Amino acid sequence: GDKGSYDIYVEIEGAPKLVGNYDNSGFFGELALMYNMPRAATIVASSPGTIWALDRTTFRRIVLKSAFEKRKKYETLLESVPLLKSLDMYERMNVADALQSRTFEDGVQIIKQ
């Protein structure tokens, strides 16, 4: 939500149970949009507020475009790693999807023997 408070309810043993709250920030419904599944929670406005909404098609297009751009970014890198040369393109793209970028300040220990 952009502003306002929203209570998060999940059905437990057949009854809605308050499990959390969004207060002036947050997002919900992304899993239902990504996986075409029923929503896992019910969101109830507990104050006046404003939210932004995306339809499934737009959301999926944005997510897929982002995944494609990430794959392209890492494609050359992965092809240049000798250990990964034996992987086929599909396997390399799975590795690309799993990569996560991390940023470190000067002098920060990254790996310790």
PDB file of N, CA and C in Angstrom:
ATOM      1  N   GLY A   1       0.810  -1.194   0.000  1.00  0.00           N
ATOM      2  CA  GLY A   1       0.000   0.000   0.000  1.00  0.00           C
ATOM      3  C   GLY A   1       0.849   1.251   0.000  1.00  0.00           C
ATOM      4  N   ASP A   2       0.308   2.323  -0.495  1.00  0.00           N
ATOM      5  CA  ASP A   2       1.000   3.602  -0.554  1.00  0.00           C
ATOM      6  C   ASP A   2       0.873   4.338   0.776  1.00  0.00           C
ATOM      7  N   LYS A   3      -0.302   4.307   1.361  1.00  0.00           N
ATOM      8  CA  LYS A   3      -0.499   4.845   2.699  1.00  0.00           C
ATOM      9  C   LYS A   3      -1.709   4.175   3.308  1.00  0.00           C
ATOM     10  N   GLY A   4      -1.765   4.159   4.627  1.00  0.00           N
ATOM     11  CA  GLY A   4      -2.854   3.511   5.333  1.00  0.00           C
ATOM     12  C   GLY A   4      -2.372   2.276   6.073  1.00  0.00           C
ATOM     13  N   SER A   5      -3.253   1.700   6.847  1.00  0.00           N
ATOM     14  CA  SER A   5      -2.949   0.477   7.585  1.00  0.00           C
ATOM     15  C   SER A   5      -3.846  -0.637   7.071  1.00  0.00           C
ATOM     16  N   TYR A   6      -3.258  -1.833   6.974  1.00  0.00           N
ATOM     17  CA  TYR A   6      -3.959  -2.982   6.424  1.00  0.00           C
ATOM     18  C   TYR A   6      -3.644  -4.202   7.276  1.00  0.00           C
ATOM     19  N   ASP A   7      -4.673  -4.888   7.733  1.00  0.00           N
ATOM     20  CA  ASP A   7      -4.490  -6.096   8.535  1.00  0.00           C
ATOM     21  C   ASP A   7      -4.416  -7.311   7.618  1.00  0.00           C
ATOM     22  N   ILE A   8      -3.577  -8.262   7.997  1.00  0.00           N
ATOM     23  CA  ILE A   8      -3.369  -9.491   7.228  1.00  0.00           C
ATOM     24  C   ILE A   8      -3.998 -10.644   8.003  1.00  0.00           C
ATOM     25  N   TYR A   9      -4.951 -11.332   7.361  1.00  0.00           N
ATOM     26  CA  TYR A   9      -5.628 -12.467   7.975  1.00  0.00           C
ATOM     27  C   TYR A   9      -5.355 -13.734   7.167  1.00  0.00           C
ATOM     28  N   VAL A  10      -5.103 -14.829   7.873  1.00  0.00           N
ATOM     29  CA  VAL A  10      -4.940 -16.142   7.263  1.00  0.00           C
ATOM     30  C   VAL A  10      -5.940 -17.073   7.941  1.00  0.00           C
ATOM     31  N   GLU A  11      -6.554 -17.930   7.132  1.00  0.00           N
ATOM     32  CA  GLU A  11      -7.510 -18.883   7.696  1.00  0.00           C
ATOM     33  C   GLU A  11      -6.748 -20.013   8.369  1.00  0.00           C
ATOM     34  N   ILE A  12      -6.983 -20.164   9.673  1.00  0.00           N
ATOM     35  CA  ILE A  12      -6.357 -21.230  10.466  1.00  0.00           C
ATOM     36  C   ILE A  12      -7.462 -21.976  11.185  1.00  0.00           C
ATOM     37  N   GLU A  13      -7.518 -23.277  10.959  1.00  0.00           N
ATOM     38  CA  GLU A  13      -8.553 -24.140  11.538  1.00  0.00           C
ATOM     39  C   GLU A  13      -9.945 -23.589  11.257  1.00  0.00           C
ATOM     40  N   GLY A  14     -10.139 -23.114  10.025  1.00  0.00           N
ATOM     41  CA  GLY A  14     -11.455 -22.656   9.589  1.00  0.00           C
ATOM     42  C   GLY A  14     -11.856 -21.264  10.012  1.00  0.00           C
ATOM     43  N   ALA A  15     -10.976 -20.555  10.726  1.00  0.00           N
ATOM     44  CA  ALA A  15     -11.324 -19.205  11.179  1.00  0.00           C
ATOM     45  C   ALA A  15     -10.220 -18.222  10.789  1.00  0.00           C
ATOM     46  N   PRO A  16     -10.594 -16.982  10.418  1.00  0.00           N
ATOM     47  CA  PRO A  16      -9.564 -15.990  10.083  1.00  0.00           C
ATOM     48  C   PRO A  16      -8.775 -15.577  11.329  1.00  0.00           C
ATOM     49  N   LYS A  17      -7.447 -15.549  11.184  1.00  0.00           N
ATOM     50  CA  LYS A  17      -6.591 -15.157  12.299  1.00  0.00           C
ATOM     51  C   LYS A  17      -5.699 -14.002  11.842  1.00  0.00           C
ATOM     52  N   LEU A  18      -5.647 -12.944  12.645  1.00  0.00           N
ATOM     53  CA  LEU A  18      -4.795 -11.800  12.352  1.00  0.00           C
ATOM     54  C   LEU A  18      -3.334 -12.229  12.516  1.00  0.00           C
ATOM     55  N   VAL A  19      -2.548 -12.145  11.429  1.00  0.00           N
ATOM     56  CA  VAL A  19      -1.158 -12.598  11.481  1.00  0.00           C
ATOM     57  C   VAL A  19      -0.159 -11.479  11.221  1.00  0.00           C
ATOM     58  N   GLY A  20      -0.639 -10.300  10.868  1.00  0.00           N
ATOM     59  CA  GLY A  20       0.292  -9.203  10.609  1.00  0.00           C
ATOM     60  C   GLY A  20      -0.431  -7.951  10.187  1.00  0.00           C
ATOM     61  N   ASN A  21       0.364  -6.930   9.856  1.00  0.00           N
ATOM     62  CA  ASN A  21      -0.186  -5.627   9.497  1.00  0.00           C
ATOM     63  C   ASN A  21       0.787  -4.908   8.580  1.00  0.00           C
ATOM     64  N   TYR A  22       0.252  -4.239   7.585  1.00  0.00           N
ATOM     65  CA  TYR A  22       1.042  -3.308   6.766  1.00  0.00           C
ATOM     66  C   TYR A  22       0.717  -1.913   7.272  1.00  0.00           C
ATOM     67  N   ASP A  23       1.738  -1.116   7.537  1.00  0.00           N
ATOM     68  CA  ASP A  23       1.513   0.236   8.042  1.00  0.00           C
ATOM     69  C   ASP A  23       2.224   1.234   7.137  1.00  0.00           C
ATOM     70  N   ASN A  24       1.475   1.842   6.224  1.00  0.00           N
ATOM     71  CA  ASN A  24       1.969   2.854   5.295  1.00  0.00           C
ATOM     72  C   ASN A  24       2.976   2.331   4.269  1.00  0.00           C
ATOM     73  N   SER A  25       3.206   1.032   4.216  1.00  0.00           N
ATOM     74  CA  SER A  25       4.063   0.468   3.172  1.00  0.00           C
ATOM     75  C   SER A  25       3.856  -1.036   3.130  1.00  0.00           C
ATOM     76  N   GLY A  26       4.260  -1.636   2.026  1.00  0.00           N
ATOM     77  CA  GLY A  26       4.166  -3.078   1.885  1.00  0.00           C
ATOM     78  C   GLY A  26       3.539  -3.447   0.562  1.00  0.00           C
ATOM     79  N   PHE A  27       3.500  -4.737   0.315  1.00  0.00           N
ATOM     80  CA  PHE A  27       2.873  -5.237  -0.902  1.00  0.00           C
ATOM     81  C   PHE A  27       2.279  -6.601  -0.601  1.00  0.00           C
ATOM     82  N   PHE A  28       1.285  -6.970  -1.389  1.00  0.00           N
ATOM     83  CA  PHE A  28       0.625  -8.248  -1.180  1.00  0.00           C
ATOM     84  C   PHE A  28       0.012  -8.715  -2.494  1.00  0.00           C
ATOM     85  N   GLY A  29      -0.230 -10.030  -2.570  1.00  0.00           N
ATOM     86  CA  GLY A  29      -0.848 -10.610  -3.751  1.00  0.00           C
ATOM     87  C   GLY A  29       0.116 -11.071  -4.817  1.00  0.00           C
ATOM     88  N   GLU A  30       1.430 -10.849  -4.610  1.00  0.00           N
ATOM     89  CA  GLU A  30       2.401 -11.180  -5.655  1.00  0.00           C
ATOM     90  C   GLU A  30       2.512 -12.673  -5.917  1.00  0.00           C
ATOM     91  N   LEU A  31       2.355 -13.495  -4.888  1.00  0.00           N
ATOM     92  CA  LEU A  31       2.444 -14.949  -5.094  1.00  0.00           C
ATOM     93  C   LEU A  31       1.269 -15.458  -5.918  1.00  0.00           C
ATOM     94  N   ALA A  32       0.093 -14.934  -5.641  1.00  0.00           N
ATOM     95  CA  ALA A  32      -1.083 -15.313  -6.429  1.00  0.00           C
ATOM     96  C   ALA A  32      -0.906 -14.902  -7.884  1.00  0.00           C
ATOM     97  N   LEU A  33      -0.325 -13.736  -8.121  1.00  0.00           N
ATOM     98  CA  LEU A  33      -0.087 -13.270  -9.491  1.00  0.00           C
ATOM     99  C   LEU A  33       0.988 -14.101 -10.194  1.00  0.00           C
ATOM    100  N   MET A  34       2.048 -14.438  -9.475  1.00  0.00           N
ATOM    101  CA  MET A  34       3.155 -15.171 -10.085  1.00  0.00           C
ATOM    102  C   MET A  34       2.782 -16.608 -10.414  1.00  0.00           C
ATOM    103  N   TYR A  35       2.074 -17.265  -9.502  1.00  0.00           N
ATOM    104  CA  TYR A  35       1.855 -18.699  -9.636  1.00  0.00           C
ATOM    105  C   TYR A  35       0.420 -19.067  -9.993  1.00  0.00           C
ATOM    106  N   ASN A  36      -0.419 -18.057 -10.284  1.00  0.00           N
ATOM    107  CA  ASN A  36      -1.804 -18.302 -10.669  1.00  0.00           C
ATOM    108  C   ASN A  36      -2.508 -19.199  -9.651  1.00  0.00           C
ATOM    109  N   MET A  37      -2.307 -18.859  -8.381  1.00  0.00           N
ATOM    110  CA  MET A  37      -2.870 -19.640  -7.284  1.00  0.00           C
ATOM    111  C   MET A  37      -3.829 -18.740  -6.492  1.00  0.00           C
ATOM    112  N   PRO A  38      -4.688 -19.359  -5.681  1.00  0.00           N
ATOM    113  CA  PRO A  38      -5.553 -18.539  -4.816  1.00  0.00           C
ATOM    114  C   PRO A  38      -4.703 -17.725  -3.839  1.00  0.00           C
ATOM    115  N   ARG A  39      -5.228 -16.605  -3.427  1.00  0.00           N
ATOM    116  CA  ARG A  39      -4.509 -15.778  -2.461  1.00  0.00           C
ATOM    117  C   ARG A  39      -4.335 -16.541  -1.155  1.00  0.00           C
ATOM    118  N   ALA A  40      -3.183 -16.335  -0.507  1.00  0.00           N
ATOM    119  CA  ALA A  40      -2.876 -17.045   0.735  1.00  0.00           C
ATOM    120  C   ALA A  40      -3.385 -16.290   1.960  1.00  0.00           C
ATOM    121  N   ALA A  41      -3.784 -15.026   1.783  1.00  0.00           N
ATOM    122  CA  ALA A  41      -4.214 -14.215   2.921  1.00  0.00           C
ATOM    123  C   ALA A  41      -5.326 -13.272   2.474  1.00  0.00           C
ATOM    124  N   THR A  42      -6.034 -12.772   3.451  1.00  0.00           N
ATOM    125  CA  THR A  42      -7.045 -11.736   3.220  1.00  0.00           C
ATOM    126  C   THR A  42      -6.503 -10.447   3.818  1.00  0.00           C
ATOM    127  N   ILE A  43      -6.588  -9.360   3.062  1.00  0.00           N
ATOM    128  CA  ILE A  43      -6.110  -8.056   3.520  1.00  0.00           C
ATOM    129  C   ILE A  43      -7.323  -7.167   3.764  1.00  0.00           C
ATOM    130  N   VAL A  44      -7.380  -6.565   4.944  1.00  0.00           N
ATOM    131  CA  VAL A  44      -8.504  -5.710   5.320  1.00  0.00           C
ATOM    132  C   VAL A  44      -7.961  -4.343   5.718  1.00  0.00           C
ATOM    133  N   ALA A  45      -8.510  -3.287   5.112  1.00  0.00           N
ATOM    134  CA  ALA A  45      -8.095  -1.923   5.477  1.00  0.00           C
ATOM    135  C   ALA A  45      -8.522  -1.655   6.913  1.00  0.00           C
ATOM    136  N   SER A  46      -7.563  -1.220   7.740  1.00  0.00           N
ATOM    137  CA  SER A  46      -7.892  -0.881   9.125  1.00  0.00           C
ATOM    138  C   SER A  46      -7.842   0.632   9.350  1.00  0.00           C
ATOM    139  N   SER A  47      -7.602   1.378   8.265  1.00  0.00           N
ATOM    140  CA  SER A  47      -7.667   2.836   8.276  1.00  0.00           C
ATOM    141  C   SER A  47      -7.883   3.272   6.830  1.00  0.00           C
ATOM    142  N   PRO A  48      -8.267   4.533   6.614  1.00  0.00           N
ATOM    143  CA  PRO A  48      -8.345   5.000   5.229  1.00  0.00           C
ATOM    144  C   PRO A  48      -6.955   4.890   4.592  1.00  0.00           C
ATOM    145  N   GLY A  49      -6.908   4.554   3.311  1.00  0.00           N
ATOM    146  CA  GLY A  49      -5.607   4.406   2.682  1.00  0.00           C
ATOM    147  C   GLY A  49      -5.688   4.389   1.172  1.00  0.00           C
ATOM    148  N   THR A  50      -4.534   4.315   0.563  1.00  0.00           N
ATOM    149  CA  THR A  50      -4.402   4.257  -0.889  1.00  0.00           C
ATOM    150  C   THR A  50      -3.495   3.098  -1.247  1.00  0.00           C
ATOM    151  N   ILE A  51      -3.897   2.317  -2.235  1.00  0.00           N
ATOM    152  CA  ILE A  51      -3.048   1.234  -2.720  1.00  0.00           C
ATOM    153  C   ILE A  51      -2.913   1.343  -4.235  1.00  0.00           C
ATOM    154  N   TRP A  52      -1.927   0.667  -4.776  1.00  0.00           N
ATOM    155  CA  TRP A  52      -1.707   0.576  -6.213  1.00  0.00           C
ATOM    156  C   TRP A  52      -1.965  -0.867  -6.610  1.00  0.00           C
ATOM    157  N   ALA A  53      -2.495  -1.080  -7.804  1.00  0.00           N
ATOM    158  CA  ALA A  53      -2.809  -2.435  -8.240  1.00  0.00           C
ATOM    159  C   ALA A  53      -2.260  -2.701  -9.640  1.00  0.00           C
ATOM    160  N   LEU A  54      -1.853  -3.942  -9.881  1.00  0.00           N
ATOM    161  CA  LEU A  54      -1.423  -4.403 -11.198  1.00  0.00           C
ATOM    162  C   LEU A  54      -2.234  -5.622 -11.577  1.00  0.00           C
ATOM    163  N   ASP A  55      -2.635  -5.724 -12.834  1.00  0.00           N
ATOM    164  CA  ASP A  55      -3.296  -6.942 -13.276  1.00  0.00           C
ATOM    165  C   ASP A  55      -2.237  -8.016 -13.516  1.00  0.00           C
ATOM    166  N   ARG A  56      -2.673  -9.275 -13.574  1.00  0.00           N
ATOM    167  CA  ARG A  56      -1.769 -10.415 -13.710  1.00  0.00           C
ATOM    168  C   ARG A  56      -0.875 -10.302 -14.950  1.00  0.00           C
ATOM    169  N   THR A  57      -1.443  -9.902 -16.086  1.00  0.00           N
ATOM    170  CA  THR A  57      -0.673  -9.824 -17.331  1.00  0.00           C
ATOM    171  C   THR A  57       0.463  -8.818 -17.212  1.00  0.00           C
ATOM    172  N   THR A  58       0.183  -7.650 -16.694  1.00  0.00           N
ATOM    173  CA  THR A  58       1.221  -6.618 -16.539  1.00  0.00           C
ATOM    174  C   THR A  58       2.279  -7.069 -15.550  1.00  0.00           C
ATOM    175  N   PHE A  59       1.857  -7.626 -14.429  1.00  0.00           N
ATOM    176  CA  PHE A  59       2.798  -8.086 -13.414  1.00  0.00           C
ATOM    177  C   PHE A  59       3.735  -9.144 -13.990  1.00  0.00           C
ATOM    178  N   ARG A  60       3.169 -10.146 -14.673  1.00  0.00           N
ATOM    179  CA  ARG A  60       3.986 -11.224 -15.232  1.00  0.00           C
ATOM    180  C   ARG A  60       4.947 -10.695 -16.302  1.00  0.00           C
ATOM    181  N   ARG A  61       4.481  -9.737 -17.110  1.00  0.00           N
ATOM    182  CA  ARG A  61       5.350  -9.154 -18.141  1.00  0.00           C
ATOM    183  C   ARG A  61       6.545  -8.453 -17.486  1.00  0.00           C
ATOM    184  N   ILE A  62       6.311  -7.724 -16.418  1.00  0.00           N
ATOM    185  CA  ILE A  62       7.399  -7.031 -15.711  1.00  0.00           C
ATOM    186  C   ILE A  62       8.368  -8.040 -15.106  1.00  0.00           C
ATOM    187  N   VAL A  63       7.842  -9.076 -14.452  1.00  0.00           N
ATOM    188  CA  VAL A  63       8.690 -10.093 -13.820  1.00  0.00           C
ATOM    189  C   VAL A  63       9.497 -10.841 -14.881  1.00  0.00           C
ATOM    190  N   LEU A  64       8.844 -11.241 -15.974  1.00  0.00           N
ATOM    191  CA  LEU A  64       9.549 -11.973 -17.026  1.00  0.00           C
ATOM    192  C   LEU A  64      10.605 -11.114 -17.696  1.00  0.00           C
ATOM    193  N   LYS A  65      10.303  -9.832 -17.923  1.00  0.00           N
ATOM    194  CA  LYS A  65      11.286  -8.935 -18.525  1.00  0.00           C
ATOM    195  C   LYS A  65      12.500  -8.801 -17.613  1.00  0.00           C
ATOM    196  N   SER A  66      12.253  -8.678 -16.320  1.00  0.00           N
ATOM    197  CA  SER A  66      13.336  -8.565 -15.348  1.00  0.00           C
ATOM    198  C   SER A  66      14.199  -9.822 -15.352  1.00  0.00           C
ATOM    199  N   ALA A  67      13.568 -11.002 -15.378  1.00  0.00           N
ATOM    200  CA  ALA A  67      14.312 -12.266 -15.406  1.00  0.00           C
ATOM    201  C   ALA A  67      15.133 -12.373 -16.687  1.00  0.00           C
ATOM    202  N   PHE A  68      14.560 -11.967 -17.816  1.00  0.00           N
ATOM    203  CA  PHE A  68      15.264 -12.020 -19.096  1.00  0.00           C
ATOM    204  C   PHE A  68      16.491 -11.109 -19.068  1.00  0.00           C
ATOM    205  N   GLU A  69      16.321  -9.885 -18.543  1.00  0.00           N
ATOM    206  CA  GLU A  69      17.443  -8.947 -18.477  1.00  0.00           C
ATOM    207  C   GLU A  69      18.546  -9.468 -17.570  1.00  0.00           C
ATOM    208  N   LYS A  70      18.168 -10.112 -16.464  1.00  0.00           N
ATOM    209  CA  LYS A  70      19.158 -10.694 -15.554  1.00  0.00           C
ATOM    210  C   LYS A  70      19.918 -11.811 -16.264  1.00  0.00           C
ATOM    211  N   ARG A  71      19.194 -12.660 -16.989  1.00  0.00           N
ATOM    212  CA  ARG A  71      19.848 -13.745 -17.725  1.00  0.00           C
ATOM    213  C   ARG A  71      20.847 -13.204 -18.731  1.00  0.00           C
ATOM    214  N   LYS A  72      20.456 -12.200 -19.489  1.00  0.00           N
ATOM    215  CA  LYS A  72      21.358 -11.621 -20.486  1.00  0.00           C
ATOM    216  C   LYS A  72      22.603 -11.044 -19.818  1.00  0.00           C
ATOM    217  N   LYS A  73      22.407 -10.417 -18.664  1.00  0.00           N
ATOM    218  CA  LYS A  73      23.515  -9.802 -17.927  1.00  0.00           C
ATOM    219  C   LYS A  73      24.565 -10.839 -17.553  1.00  0.00           C
ATOM    220  N   TYR A  74      24.124 -12.034 -17.129  1.00  0.00           N
ATOM    221  CA  TYR A  74      25.058 -13.045 -16.645  1.00  0.00           C
ATOM    222  C   TYR A  74      25.490 -14.058 -17.708  1.00  0.00           C
ATOM    223  N   GLU A  75      24.869 -14.033 -18.877  1.00  0.00           N
ATOM    224  CA  GLU A  75      25.152 -15.017 -19.921  1.00  0.00           C
ATOM    225  C   GLU A  75      26.633 -15.044 -20.300  1.00  0.00           C
ATOM    226  N   THR A  76      27.210 -13.907 -20.606  1.00  0.00           N
ATOM    227  CA  THR A  76      28.618 -13.843 -20.997  1.00  0.00           C
ATOM    228  C   THR A  76      29.526 -14.275 -19.859  1.00  0.00           C
ATOM    229  N   LEU A  77      29.220 -13.829 -18.657  1.00  0.00           N
ATOM    230  CA  LEU A  77      30.017 -14.210 -17.496  1.00  0.00           C
ATOM    231  C   LEU A  77      30.031 -15.728 -17.331  1.00  0.00           C
ATOM    232  N   LEU A  78      28.873 -16.342 -17.368  1.00  0.00           N
ATOM    233  CA  LEU A  78      28.782 -17.785 -17.155  1.00  0.00           C
ATOM    234  C   LEU A  78      29.471 -18.572 -18.264  1.00  0.00           C
ATOM    235  N   GLU A  79      29.404 -18.083 -19.494  1.00  0.00           N
ATOM    236  CA  GLU A  79      30.067 -18.769 -20.608  1.00  0.00           C
ATOM    237  C   GLU A  79      31.586 -18.703 -20.486  1.00  0.00           C
ATOM    238  N   SER A  80      32.097 -17.730 -19.737  1.00  0.00           N
ATOM    239  CA  SER A  80      33.548 -17.567 -19.607  1.00  0.00           C
ATOM    240  C   SER A  80      34.137 -18.350 -18.425  1.00  0.00           C
ATOM    241  N   VAL A  81      33.287 -18.979 -17.607  1.00  0.00           N
ATOM    242  CA  VAL A  81      33.769 -19.736 -16.453  1.00  0.00           C
ATOM    243  C   VAL A  81      34.075 -21.172 -16.901  1.00  0.00           C
ATOM    244  N   PRO A  82      35.364 -21.581 -16.860  1.00  0.00           N
ATOM    245  CA  PRO A  82      35.727 -22.921 -17.340  1.00  0.00           C
ATOM    246  C   PRO A  82      34.916 -24.044 -16.692  1.00  0.00           C
ATOM    247  N   LEU A  83      34.664 -23.966 -15.416  1.00  0.00           N
ATOM    248  CA  LEU A  83      33.923 -25.004 -14.709  1.00  0.00           C
ATOM    249  C   LEU A  83      32.508 -25.192 -15.265  1.00  0.00           C
ATOM    250  N   LEU A  84      31.938 -24.118 -15.826  1.00  0.00           N
ATOM    251  CA  LEU A  84      30.563 -24.161 -16.312  1.00  0.00           C
ATOM    252  C   LEU A  84      30.456 -24.424 -17.811  1.00  0.00           C
ATOM    253  N   LYS A  85      31.579 -24.551 -18.496  1.00  0.00           N
ATOM    254  CA  LYS A  85      31.554 -24.756 -19.945  1.00  0.00           C
ATOM    255  C   LYS A  85      30.840 -26.036 -20.349  1.00  0.00           C
ATOM    256  N   SER A  86      30.858 -27.041 -19.497  1.00  0.00           N
ATOM    257  CA  SER A  86      30.210 -28.315 -19.840  1.00  0.00           C
ATOM    258  C   SER A  86      28.690 -28.255 -19.690  1.00  0.00           C
ATOM    259  N   LEU A  87      28.163 -27.196 -19.071  1.00  0.00           N
ATOM    260  CA  LEU A  87      26.715 -27.066 -18.917  1.00  0.00           C
ATOM    261  C   LEU A  87      26.077 -26.661 -20.241  1.00  0.00           C
ATOM    262  N   ASP A  88      24.887 -27.185 -20.501  1.00  0.00           N
ATOM    263  CA  ASP A  88      24.177 -26.714 -21.699  1.00  0.00           C
ATOM    264  C   ASP A  88      23.528 -25.358 -21.378  1.00  0.00           C
ATOM    265  N   MET A  89      22.953 -24.739 -22.403  1.00  0.00           N
ATOM    266  CA  MET A  89      22.404 -23.392 -22.247  1.00  0.00           C
ATOM    267  C   MET A  89      21.301 -23.363 -21.174  1.00  0.00           C
ATOM    268  N   TYR A  90      20.425 -24.359 -21.157  1.00  0.00           N
ATOM    269  CA  TYR A  90      19.348 -24.419 -20.178  1.00  0.00           C
ATOM    270  C   TYR A  90      19.912 -24.464 -18.757  1.00  0.00           C
ATOM    271  N   GLU A  91      20.933 -25.263 -18.538  1.00  0.00           N
ATOM    272  CA  GLU A  91      21.541 -25.368 -17.207  1.00  0.00           C
ATOM    273  C   GLU A  91      22.209 -24.053 -16.812  1.00  0.00           C
ATOM    274  N   ARG A  92      22.896 -23.407 -17.766  1.00  0.00           N
ATOM    275  CA  ARG A  92      23.524 -22.104 -17.469  1.00  0.00           C
ATOM    276  C   ARG A  92      22.478 -21.059 -17.110  1.00  0.00           C
ATOM    277  N   MET A  93      21.330 -21.085 -17.792  1.00  0.00           N
ATOM    278  CA  MET A  93      20.279 -20.114 -17.490  1.00  0.00           C
ATOM    279  C   MET A  93      19.680 -20.369 -16.109  1.00  0.00           C
ATOM    280  N   ASN A  94      19.623 -21.624 -15.683  1.00  0.00           N
ATOM    281  CA  ASN A  94      19.183 -21.923 -14.317  1.00  0.00           C
ATOM    282  C   ASN A  94      20.167 -21.359 -13.301  1.00  0.00           C
ATOM    283  N   VAL A  95      21.463 -21.459 -13.604  1.00  0.00           N
ATOM    284  CA  VAL A  95      22.477 -20.867 -12.730  1.00  0.00           C
ATOM    285  C   VAL A  95      22.297 -19.349 -12.709  1.00  0.00           C
ATOM    286  N   ALA A  96      22.085 -18.751 -13.871  1.00  0.00           N
ATOM    287  CA  ALA A  96      21.889 -17.292 -13.957  1.00  0.00           C
ATOM    288  C   ALA A  96      20.697 -16.853 -13.115  1.00  0.00           C
ATOM    289  N   ASP A  97      19.621 -17.623 -13.154  1.00  0.00           N
ATOM    290  CA  ASP A  97      18.426 -17.280 -12.369  1.00  0.00           C
ATOM    291  C   ASP A  97      18.706 -17.325 -10.874  1.00  0.00           C
ATOM    292  N   ALA A  98      19.641 -18.198 -10.469  1.00  0.00           N
ATOM    293  CA  ALA A  98      19.937 -18.371  -9.046  1.00  0.00           C
ATOM    294  C   ALA A  98      20.965 -17.366  -8.523  1.00  0.00           C
ATOM    295  N   LEU A  99      21.705 -16.718  -9.423  1.00  0.00           N
ATOM    296  CA  LEU A  99      22.740 -15.775  -8.979  1.00  0.00           C
ATOM    297  C   LEU A  99      22.133 -14.580  -8.258  1.00  0.00           C
ATOM    298  N   GLN A 100      22.831 -14.135  -7.230  1.00  0.00           N
ATOM    299  CA  GLN A 100      22.426 -12.933  -6.506  1.00  0.00           C
ATOM    300  C   GLN A 100      23.627 -12.014  -6.395  1.00  0.00           C
ATOM    301  N   SER A 101      23.407 -10.764  -6.702  1.00  0.00           N
ATOM    302  CA  SER A 101      24.471  -9.771  -6.645  1.00  0.00           C
ATOM    303  C   SER A 101      24.640  -9.270  -5.212  1.00  0.00           C
ATOM    304  N   ARG A 102      25.877  -9.151  -4.778  1.00  0.00           N
ATOM    305  CA  ARG A 102      26.185  -8.614  -3.446  1.00  0.00           C
ATOM    306  C   ARG A 102      27.206  -7.489  -3.610  1.00  0.00           C
ATOM    307  N   THR A 103      27.080  -6.462  -2.798  1.00  0.00           N
ATOM    308  CA  THR A 103      28.006  -5.332  -2.817  1.00  0.00           C
ATOM    309  C   THR A 103      28.754  -5.293  -1.493  1.00  0.00           C
ATOM    310  N   PHE A 104      30.075  -5.070  -1.561  1.00  0.00           N
ATOM    311  CA  PHE A 104      30.899  -5.037  -0.362  1.00  0.00           C
ATOM    312  C   PHE A 104      31.700  -3.745  -0.319  1.00  0.00           C
ATOM    313  N   GLU A 105      31.906  -3.233   0.868  1.00  0.00           N
ATOM    314  CA  GLU A 105      32.764  -2.069   1.078  1.00  0.00           C
ATOM    315  C   GLU A 105      34.216  -2.529   1.052  1.00  0.00           C
ATOM    316  N   ASP A 106      35.151  -1.604   0.819  1.00  0.00           N
ATOM    317  CA  ASP A 106      36.574  -1.912   0.863  1.00  0.00           C
ATOM    318  C   ASP A 106      36.937  -2.535   2.214  1.00  0.00           C
ATOM    319  N   GLY A 107      37.740  -3.576   2.171  1.00  0.00           N
ATOM    320  CA  GLY A 107      38.244  -4.175   3.379  1.00  0.00           C
ATOM    321  C   GLY A 107      37.334  -5.187   4.063  1.00  0.00           C
ATOM    322  N   VAL A 108      36.136  -5.380   3.553  1.00  0.00           N
ATOM    323  CA  VAL A 108      35.201  -6.339   4.153  1.00  0.00           C
ATOM    324  C   VAL A 108      35.620  -7.747   3.737  1.00  0.00           C
ATOM    325  N   GLN A 109      35.746  -8.630   4.732  1.00  0.00           N
ATOM    326  CA  GLN A 109      36.105 -10.026   4.442  1.00  0.00           C
ATOM    327  C   GLN A 109      34.907 -10.714   3.800  1.00  0.00           C
ATOM    328  N   ILE A 110      35.139 -11.353   2.650  1.00  0.00           N
ATOM    329  CA  ILE A 110      34.060 -12.008   1.912  1.00  0.00           C
ATOM    330  C   ILE A 110      34.031 -13.507   2.219  1.00  0.00           C
ATOM    331  N   ILE A 111      35.214 -14.137   2.207  1.00  0.00           N
ATOM    332  CA  ILE A 111      35.321 -15.562   2.505  1.00  0.00           C
ATOM    333  C   ILE A 111      36.507 -15.735   3.442  1.00  0.00           C
ATOM    334  N   LYS A 112      36.349 -16.618   4.427  1.00  0.00           N
ATOM    335  CA  LYS A 112      37.454 -16.908   5.335  1.00  0.00           C
ATOM    336  C   LYS A 112      37.807 -18.378   5.211  1.00  0.00           C
ATOM    337  N   GLN A 113      39.116 -18.661   5.119  1.00  0.00           N
ATOM    338  CA  GLN A 113      39.580 -20.043   4.990  1.00  0.00           C
ATOM    339  C   GLN A 113      39.429 -20.773   6.297  1.00  0.00           C
TER     340      GLN A 113
END
